Amino acid sequence: LASASFPIVFPPVEIDGHLFVDGAARSNVVVVG
């Protein structure tokens, strides 16, 4: 849910006291490894 939460339009998601928003706000692609 956090990864898909476009900021301002969708609310952030709190996990362990941290606020998270859409992963694409900083990086639209993740390649692990």
PDB file of all heavy atoms in Angstrom:
ATOM      1  N   LEU A   1       0.835  -1.204   0.000  1.00  0.00           N
ATOM      2  CA  LEU A   1       0.000   0.000   0.000  1.00  0.00           C
ATOM      3  C   LEU A   1       0.867   1.249   0.000  1.00  0.00           C
ATOM      4  O   LEU A   1       0.591   2.210  -0.735  1.00  0.00           O
ATOM      5  CB  LEU A   1      -0.927  -0.008   1.215  1.00  0.00           C
ATOM      6  CG  LEU A   1      -1.874   1.185   1.344  1.00  0.00           C
ATOM      7  CD1 LEU A   1      -2.844   1.233   0.163  1.00  0.00           C
ATOM      8  CD2 LEU A   1      -2.647   1.127   2.664  1.00  0.00           C
ATOM      9  N   ALA A   2       1.931   1.240   0.806  1.00  0.00           N
ATOM     10  CA  ALA A   2       2.825   2.393   0.865  1.00  0.00           C
ATOM     11  C   ALA A   2       3.460   2.662  -0.494  1.00  0.00           C
ATOM     12  O   ALA A   2       3.530   3.810  -0.950  1.00  0.00           O
ATOM     13  CB  ALA A   2       3.910   2.164   1.920  1.00  0.00           C
ATOM     14  N   SER A   3       3.913   1.617  -1.152  1.00  0.00           N
ATOM     15  CA  SER A   3       4.594   1.787  -2.435  1.00  0.00           C
ATOM     16  C   SER A   3       3.672   2.379  -3.488  1.00  0.00           C
ATOM     17  O   SER A   3       4.147   3.032  -4.427  1.00  0.00           O
ATOM     18  CB  SER A   3       5.148   0.442  -2.925  1.00  0.00           C
ATOM     19  OG  SER A   3       5.922   0.611  -4.091  1.00  0.00           O
ATOM     20  N   ALA A   4       2.371   2.173  -3.336  1.00  0.00           N
ATOM     21  CA  ALA A   4       1.399   2.655  -4.318  1.00  0.00           C
ATOM     22  C   ALA A   4       0.666   3.921  -3.867  1.00  0.00           C
ATOM     23  O   ALA A   4      -0.326   4.312  -4.492  1.00  0.00           O
ATOM     24  CB  ALA A   4       0.384   1.554  -4.618  1.00  0.00           C
ATOM     25  N   SER A   5       1.148   4.574  -2.807  1.00  0.00           N
ATOM     26  CA  SER A   5       0.449   5.734  -2.241  1.00  0.00           C
ATOM     27  C   SER A   5       1.024   7.030  -2.792  1.00  0.00           C
ATOM     28  O   SER A   5       1.938   7.631  -2.213  1.00  0.00           O
ATOM     29  CB  SER A   5       0.542   5.703  -0.709  1.00  0.00           C
ATOM     30  OG  SER A   5      -0.207   4.618  -0.195  1.00  0.00           O
ATOM     31  N   PHE A   6       0.465   7.464  -3.926  1.00  0.00           N
ATOM     32  CA  PHE A   6       0.915   8.693  -4.586  1.00  0.00           C
ATOM     33  C   PHE A   6       0.718   9.870  -3.644  1.00  0.00           C
ATOM     34  O   PHE A   6      -0.399  10.131  -3.197  1.00  0.00           O
ATOM     35  CB  PHE A   6       0.126   8.908  -5.877  1.00  0.00           C
ATOM     36  CG  PHE A   6       0.680   9.968  -6.768  1.00  0.00           C
ATOM     37  CD1 PHE A   6       1.642   9.663  -7.722  1.00  0.00           C
ATOM     38  CD2 PHE A   6       0.258  11.290  -6.655  1.00  0.00           C
ATOM     39  CE1 PHE A   6       2.156  10.653  -8.561  1.00  0.00           C
ATOM     40  CE2 PHE A   6       0.767  12.277  -7.477  1.00  0.00           C
ATOM     41  CZ  PHE A   6       1.732  11.953  -8.429  1.00  0.00           C
ATOM     42  N   PRO A   7       1.796  10.613  -3.299  1.00  0.00           N
ATOM     43  CA  PRO A   7       1.691  11.640  -2.260  1.00  0.00           C
ATOM     44  C   PRO A   7       0.697  12.741  -2.590  1.00  0.00           C
ATOM     45  O   PRO A   7       0.482  13.087  -3.746  1.00  0.00           O
ATOM     46  CB  PRO A   7       3.125  12.180  -2.156  1.00  0.00           C
ATOM     47  CG  PRO A   7       3.796  11.779  -3.429  1.00  0.00           C
ATOM     48  CD  PRO A   7       3.150  10.515  -3.866  1.00  0.00           C
ATOM     49  N   ILE A   8       0.091  13.248  -1.554  1.00  0.00           N
ATOM     50  CA  ILE A   8      -0.955  14.268  -1.546  1.00  0.00           C
ATOM     51  C   ILE A   8      -2.298  13.678  -1.983  1.00  0.00           C
ATOM     52  O   ILE A   8      -3.312  13.883  -1.324  1.00  0.00           O
ATOM     53  CB  ILE A   8      -0.613  15.507  -2.407  1.00  0.00           C
ATOM     54  CG1 ILE A   8       0.677  16.155  -1.914  1.00  0.00           C
ATOM     55  CG2 ILE A   8      -1.752  16.525  -2.367  1.00  0.00           C
ATOM     56  CD1 ILE A   8       1.096  17.382  -2.706  1.00  0.00           C
ATOM     57  N   VAL A   9      -2.313  12.928  -3.074  1.00  0.00           N
ATOM     58  CA  VAL A   9      -3.569  12.309  -3.488  1.00  0.00           C
ATOM     59  C   VAL A   9      -3.944  11.170  -2.541  1.00  0.00           C
ATOM     60  O   VAL A   9      -5.084  11.077  -2.079  1.00  0.00           O
ATOM     61  CB  VAL A   9      -3.469  11.794  -4.936  1.00  0.00           C
ATOM     62  CG1 VAL A   9      -4.788  11.146  -5.354  1.00  0.00           C
ATOM     63  CG2 VAL A   9      -3.134  12.933  -5.884  1.00  0.00           C
ATOM     64  N   PHE A  10      -2.996  10.284  -2.231  1.00  0.00           N
ATOM     65  CA  PHE A  10      -3.224   9.161  -1.327  1.00  0.00           C
ATOM     66  C   PHE A  10      -2.444   9.381  -0.031  1.00  0.00           C
ATOM     67  O   PHE A  10      -1.337   9.944  -0.057  1.00  0.00           O
ATOM     68  CB  PHE A  10      -2.770   7.846  -1.962  1.00  0.00           C
ATOM     69  CG  PHE A  10      -3.527   7.453  -3.213  1.00  0.00           C
ATOM     70  CD1 PHE A  10      -2.987   6.548  -4.103  1.00  0.00           C
ATOM     71  CD2 PHE A  10      -4.781   7.978  -3.489  1.00  0.00           C
ATOM     72  CE1 PHE A  10      -3.667   6.172  -5.253  1.00  0.00           C
ATOM     73  CE2 PHE A  10      -5.474   7.613  -4.636  1.00  0.00           C
ATOM     74  CZ  PHE A  10      -4.916   6.706  -5.520  1.00  0.00           C
ATOM     75  N   PRO A  11      -2.974   8.921   1.098  1.00  0.00           N
ATOM     76  CA  PRO A  11      -2.289   9.157   2.374  1.00  0.00           C
ATOM     77  C   PRO A  11      -1.031   8.306   2.515  1.00  0.00           C
ATOM     78  O   PRO A  11      -0.949   7.211   1.957  1.00  0.00           O
ATOM     79  CB  PRO A  11      -3.342   8.755   3.418  1.00  0.00           C
ATOM     80  CG  PRO A  11      -4.249   7.803   2.714  1.00  0.00           C
ATOM     81  CD  PRO A  11      -4.283   8.262   1.284  1.00  0.00           C
ATOM     82  N   PRO A  12      -0.037   8.815   3.251  1.00  0.00           N
ATOM     83  CA  PRO A  12       1.145   8.005   3.531  1.00  0.00           C
ATOM     84  C   PRO A  12       0.787   6.848   4.451  1.00  0.00           C
ATOM     85  O   PRO A  12      -0.262   6.842   5.098  1.00  0.00           O
ATOM     86  CB  PRO A  12       2.097   8.994   4.212  1.00  0.00           C
ATOM     87  CG  PRO A  12       1.207  10.032   4.801  1.00  0.00           C
ATOM     88  CD  PRO A  12       0.026  10.137   3.890  1.00  0.00           C
ATOM     89  N   VAL A  13       1.670   5.876   4.500  1.00  0.00           N
ATOM     90  CA  VAL A  13       1.487   4.699   5.357  1.00  0.00           C
ATOM     91  C   VAL A  13       2.587   4.712   6.411  1.00  0.00           C
ATOM     92  O   VAL A  13       3.768   4.859   6.080  1.00  0.00           O
ATOM     93  CB  VAL A  13       1.545   3.401   4.530  1.00  0.00           C
ATOM     94  CG1 VAL A  13       1.440   2.171   5.437  1.00  0.00           C
ATOM     95  CG2 VAL A  13       0.433   3.389   3.491  1.00  0.00           C
ATOM     96  N   GLU A  14       2.202   4.577   7.657  1.00  0.00           N
ATOM     97  CA  GLU A  14       3.182   4.581   8.744  1.00  0.00           C
ATOM     98  C   GLU A  14       3.593   3.153   9.085  1.00  0.00           C
ATOM     99  O   GLU A  14       2.744   2.290   9.325  1.00  0.00           O
ATOM    100  CB  GLU A  14       2.628   5.282   9.982  1.00  0.00           C
ATOM    101  CG  GLU A  14       3.648   5.400  11.107  1.00  0.00           C
ATOM    102  CD  GLU A  14       3.223   6.368  12.197  1.00  0.00           C
ATOM    103  OE1 GLU A  14       2.357   7.239  11.933  1.00  0.00           O
ATOM    104  OE2 GLU A  14       3.762   6.252  13.311  1.00  0.00           O
ATOM    105  N   ILE A  15       4.900   2.911   9.097  1.00  0.00           N
ATOM    106  CA  ILE A  15       5.459   1.612   9.460  1.00  0.00           C
ATOM    107  C   ILE A  15       6.585   1.863  10.446  1.00  0.00           C
ATOM    108  O   ILE A  15       7.554   2.566  10.129  1.00  0.00           O
ATOM    109  CB  ILE A  15       5.995   0.856   8.224  1.00  0.00           C
ATOM    110  CG1 ILE A  15       4.879   0.639   7.189  1.00  0.00           C
ATOM    111  CG2 ILE A  15       6.602  -0.477   8.638  1.00  0.00           C
ATOM    112  CD1 ILE A  15       5.368   0.034   5.882  1.00  0.00           C
ATOM    113  N   ASP A  16       6.464   1.326  11.651  1.00  0.00           N
ATOM    114  CA  ASP A  16       7.489   1.474  12.691  1.00  0.00           C
ATOM    115  C   ASP A  16       7.835   2.939  12.941  1.00  0.00           C
ATOM    116  O   ASP A  16       8.996   3.301  13.163  1.00  0.00           O
ATOM    117  CB  ASP A  16       8.756   0.703  12.319  1.00  0.00           C
ATOM    118  CG  ASP A  16       8.562  -0.806  12.382  1.00  0.00           C
ATOM    119  OD1 ASP A  16       7.644  -1.246  13.094  1.00  0.00           O
ATOM    120  OD2 ASP A  16       9.320  -1.528  11.716  1.00  0.00           O
ATOM    121  N   GLY A  17       6.825   3.807  12.892  1.00  0.00           N
ATOM    122  CA  GLY A  17       7.047   5.213  13.182  1.00  0.00           C
ATOM    123  C   GLY A  17       7.571   6.022  12.020  1.00  0.00           C
ATOM    124  O   GLY A  17       7.741   7.240  12.124  1.00  0.00           O
ATOM    125  N   HIS A  18       7.841   5.390  10.866  1.00  0.00           N
ATOM    126  CA  HIS A  18       8.294   6.079   9.662  1.00  0.00           C
ATOM    127  C   HIS A  18       7.113   6.278   8.713  1.00  0.00           C
ATOM    128  O   HIS A  18       6.234   5.421   8.621  1.00  0.00           O
ATOM    129  CB  HIS A  18       9.363   5.262   8.933  1.00  0.00           C
ATOM    130  CG  HIS A  18      10.582   4.975   9.748  1.00  0.00           C
ATOM    131  ND1 HIS A  18      11.625   5.862   9.892  1.00  0.00           N
ATOM    132  CD2 HIS A  18      10.934   3.875  10.472  1.00  0.00           C
ATOM    133  CE1 HIS A  18      12.569   5.330  10.653  1.00  0.00           C
ATOM    134  NE2 HIS A  18      12.165   4.124  11.023  1.00  0.00           N
ATOM    135  N   LEU A  19       7.113   7.394   7.989  1.00  0.00           N
ATOM    136  CA  LEU A  19       6.074   7.641   6.994  1.00  0.00           C
ATOM    137  C   LEU A  19       6.596   7.293   5.604  1.00  0.00           C
ATOM    138  O   LEU A  19       7.673   7.745   5.201  1.00  0.00           O
ATOM    139  CB  LEU A  19       5.626   9.105   7.014  1.00  0.00           C
ATOM    140  CG  LEU A  19       4.635   9.531   8.100  1.00  0.00           C
ATOM    141  CD1 LEU A  19       4.159  10.955   7.847  1.00  0.00           C
ATOM    142  CD2 LEU A  19       3.450   8.579   8.186  1.00  0.00           C
ATOM    143  N   PHE A  20       5.787   6.506   4.880  1.00  0.00           N
ATOM    144  CA  PHE A  20       6.163   6.062   3.537  1.00  0.00           C
ATOM    145  C   PHE A  20       5.117   6.475   2.526  1.00  0.00           C
ATOM    146  O   PHE A  20       3.912   6.437   2.795  1.00  0.00           O
ATOM    147  CB  PHE A  20       6.321   4.534   3.504  1.00  0.00           C
ATOM    148  CG  PHE A  20       7.473   4.025   4.324  1.00  0.00           C
ATOM    149  CD1 PHE A  20       7.283   3.649   5.648  1.00  0.00           C
ATOM    150  CD2 PHE A  20       8.747   3.931   3.783  1.00  0.00           C
ATOM    151  CE1 PHE A  20       8.333   3.187   6.413  1.00  0.00           C
ATOM    152  CE2 PHE A  20       9.807   3.471   4.540  1.00  0.00           C
ATOM    153  CZ  PHE A  20       9.603   3.098   5.857  1.00  0.00           C
ATOM    154  N   VAL A  21       5.607   6.849   1.329  1.00  0.00           N
ATOM    155  CA  VAL A  21       4.726   7.136   0.198  1.00  0.00           C
ATOM    156  C   VAL A  21       5.228   6.356  -1.011  1.00  0.00           C
ATOM    157  O   VAL A  21       6.174   5.565  -0.920  1.00  0.00           O
ATOM    158  CB  VAL A  21       4.669   8.647  -0.115  1.00  0.00           C
ATOM    159  CG1 VAL A  21       4.119   9.422   1.063  1.00  0.00           C
ATOM    160  CG2 VAL A  21       6.042   9.181  -0.527  1.00  0.00           C
ATOM    161  N   ASP A  22       4.592   6.616  -2.121  1.00  0.00           N
ATOM    162  CA  ASP A  22       4.869   5.944  -3.390  1.00  0.00           C
ATOM    163  C   ASP A  22       6.374   5.843  -3.656  1.00  0.00           C
ATOM    164  O   ASP A  22       7.106   6.834  -3.606  1.00  0.00           O
ATOM    165  CB  ASP A  22       4.205   6.747  -4.507  1.00  0.00           C
ATOM    166  CG  ASP A  22       4.047   5.966  -5.790  1.00  0.00           C
ATOM    167  OD1 ASP A  22       5.034   5.358  -6.245  1.00  0.00           O
ATOM    168  OD2 ASP A  22       2.930   5.980  -6.344  1.00  0.00           O
ATOM    169  N   GLY A  23       6.821   4.630  -3.965  1.00  0.00           N
ATOM    170  CA  GLY A  23       8.233   4.435  -4.264  1.00  0.00           C
ATOM    171  C   GLY A  23       8.703   5.251  -5.442  1.00  0.00           C
ATOM    172  O   GLY A  23       9.881   5.651  -5.519  1.00  0.00           O
ATOM    173  N   ALA A  24       7.790   5.542  -6.379  1.00  0.00           N
ATOM    174  CA  ALA A  24       8.157   6.304  -7.572  1.00  0.00           C
ATOM    175  C   ALA A  24       8.442   7.766  -7.272  1.00  0.00           C
ATOM    176  O   ALA A  24       8.937   8.489  -8.141  1.00  0.00           O
ATOM    177  CB  ALA A  24       7.055   6.192  -8.625  1.00  0.00           C
ATOM    178  N   ALA A  25       8.150   8.228  -6.044  1.00  0.00           N
ATOM    179  CA  ALA A  25       8.458   9.611  -5.701  1.00  0.00           C
ATOM    180  C   ALA A  25       9.962   9.873  -5.771  1.00  0.00           C
ATOM    181  O   ALA A  25      10.395  10.998  -6.018  1.00  0.00           O
ATOM    182  CB  ALA A  25       7.932   9.937  -4.296  1.00  0.00           C
ATOM    183  N   ARG A  26      10.784   8.828  -5.565  1.00  0.00           N
ATOM    184  CA  ARG A  26      12.240   8.975  -5.667  1.00  0.00           C
ATOM    185  C   ARG A  26      12.850   8.106  -6.753  1.00  0.00           C
ATOM    186  O   ARG A  26      13.824   8.482  -7.382  1.00  0.00           O
ATOM    187  CB  ARG A  26      12.926   8.648  -4.334  1.00  0.00           C
ATOM    188  CG  ARG A  26      12.743   9.684  -3.269  1.00  0.00           C
ATOM    189  CD  ARG A  26      13.799   9.578  -2.167  1.00  0.00           C
ATOM    190  NE  ARG A  26      15.043  10.251  -2.524  1.00  0.00           N
ATOM    191  CZ  ARG A  26      16.176   9.629  -2.770  1.00  0.00           C
ATOM    192  NH1 ARG A  26      16.238   8.313  -2.741  1.00  0.00           N
ATOM    193  NH2 ARG A  26      17.275  10.307  -3.059  1.00  0.00           N
ATOM    194  N   SER A  27      12.298   6.914  -6.948  1.00  0.00           N
ATOM    195  CA  SER A  27      12.872   6.011  -7.943  1.00  0.00           C
ATOM    196  C   SER A  27      11.766   5.159  -8.533  1.00  0.00           C
ATOM    197  O   SER A  27      11.129   4.374  -7.818  1.00  0.00           O
ATOM    198  CB  SER A  27      13.940   5.110  -7.308  1.00  0.00           C
ATOM    199  OG  SER A  27      14.484   4.224  -8.259  1.00  0.00           O
ATOM    200  N   ASN A  28      11.546   5.316  -9.837  1.00  0.00           N
ATOM    201  CA  ASN A  28      10.443   4.623 -10.497  1.00  0.00           C
ATOM    202  C   ASN A  28      10.775   3.183 -10.858  1.00  0.00           C
ATOM    203  O   ASN A  28       9.925   2.449 -11.353  1.00  0.00           O
ATOM    204  CB  ASN A  28      10.053   5.388 -11.776  1.00  0.00           C
ATOM    205  CG  ASN A  28       8.574   5.255 -12.080  1.00  0.00           C
ATOM    206  OD1 ASN A  28       7.828   4.627 -11.345  1.00  0.00           O
ATOM    207  ND2 ASN A  28       8.147   5.839 -13.175  1.00  0.00           N
ATOM    208  N   VAL A  29      12.019   2.783 -10.598  1.00  0.00           N
ATOM    209  CA  VAL A  29      12.459   1.432 -10.924  1.00  0.00           C
ATOM    210  C   VAL A  29      13.346   0.919  -9.796  1.00  0.00           C
ATOM    211  O   VAL A  29      14.184   1.666  -9.272  1.00  0.00           O
ATOM    212  CB  VAL A  29      13.254   1.396 -12.253  1.00  0.00           C
ATOM    213  CG1 VAL A  29      13.893   0.034 -12.480  1.00  0.00           C
ATOM    214  CG2 VAL A  29      12.348   1.748 -13.427  1.00  0.00           C
ATOM    215  N   VAL A  30      13.164  -0.331  -9.422  1.00  0.00           N
ATOM    216  CA  VAL A  30      14.050  -0.993  -8.467  1.00  0.00           C
ATOM    217  C   VAL A  30      14.549  -2.283  -9.103  1.00  0.00           C
ATOM    218  O   VAL A  30      13.756  -3.122  -9.528  1.00  0.00           O
ATOM    219  CB  VAL A  30      13.327  -1.319  -7.142  1.00  0.00           C
ATOM    220  CG1 VAL A  30      14.146  -2.301  -6.313  1.00  0.00           C
ATOM    221  CG2 VAL A  30      13.090  -0.046  -6.346  1.00  0.00           C
ATOM    222  N   VAL A  31      15.866  -2.406  -9.203  1.00  0.00           N
ATOM    223  CA  VAL A  31      16.484  -3.648  -9.658  1.00  0.00           C
ATOM    224  C   VAL A  31      17.386  -4.139  -8.543  1.00  0.00           C
ATOM    225  O   VAL A  31      18.414  -3.523  -8.242  1.00  0.00           O
ATOM    226  CB  VAL A  31      17.292  -3.463 -10.960  1.00  0.00           C
ATOM    227  CG1 VAL A  31      17.891  -4.793 -11.398  1.00  0.00           C
ATOM    228  CG2 VAL A  31      16.402  -2.906 -12.062  1.00  0.00           C
ATOM    229  N   VAL A  32      16.991  -5.204  -7.894  1.00  0.00           N
ATOM    230  CA  VAL A  32      17.753  -5.738  -6.769  1.00  0.00           C
ATOM    231  C   VAL A  32      18.956  -6.511  -7.296  1.00  0.00           C
ATOM    232  O   VAL A  32      18.879  -7.195  -8.313  1.00  0.00           O
ATOM    233  CB  VAL A  32      16.860  -6.665  -5.919  1.00  0.00           C
ATOM    234  CG1 VAL A  32      17.622  -7.189  -4.708  1.00  0.00           C
ATOM    235  CG2 VAL A  32      15.617  -5.917  -5.467  1.00  0.00           C
ATOM    236  N   GLY A  33      20.082  -6.379  -6.602  1.00  0.00           N
ATOM    237  CA  GLY A  33      21.250  -7.171  -6.966  1.00  0.00           C
ATOM    238  C   GLY A  33      22.362  -6.391  -7.601  1.00  0.00           C
ATOM    239  O   GLY A  33      23.355  -6.954  -8.050  1.00  0.00           O
TER     240      GLY A  33
END
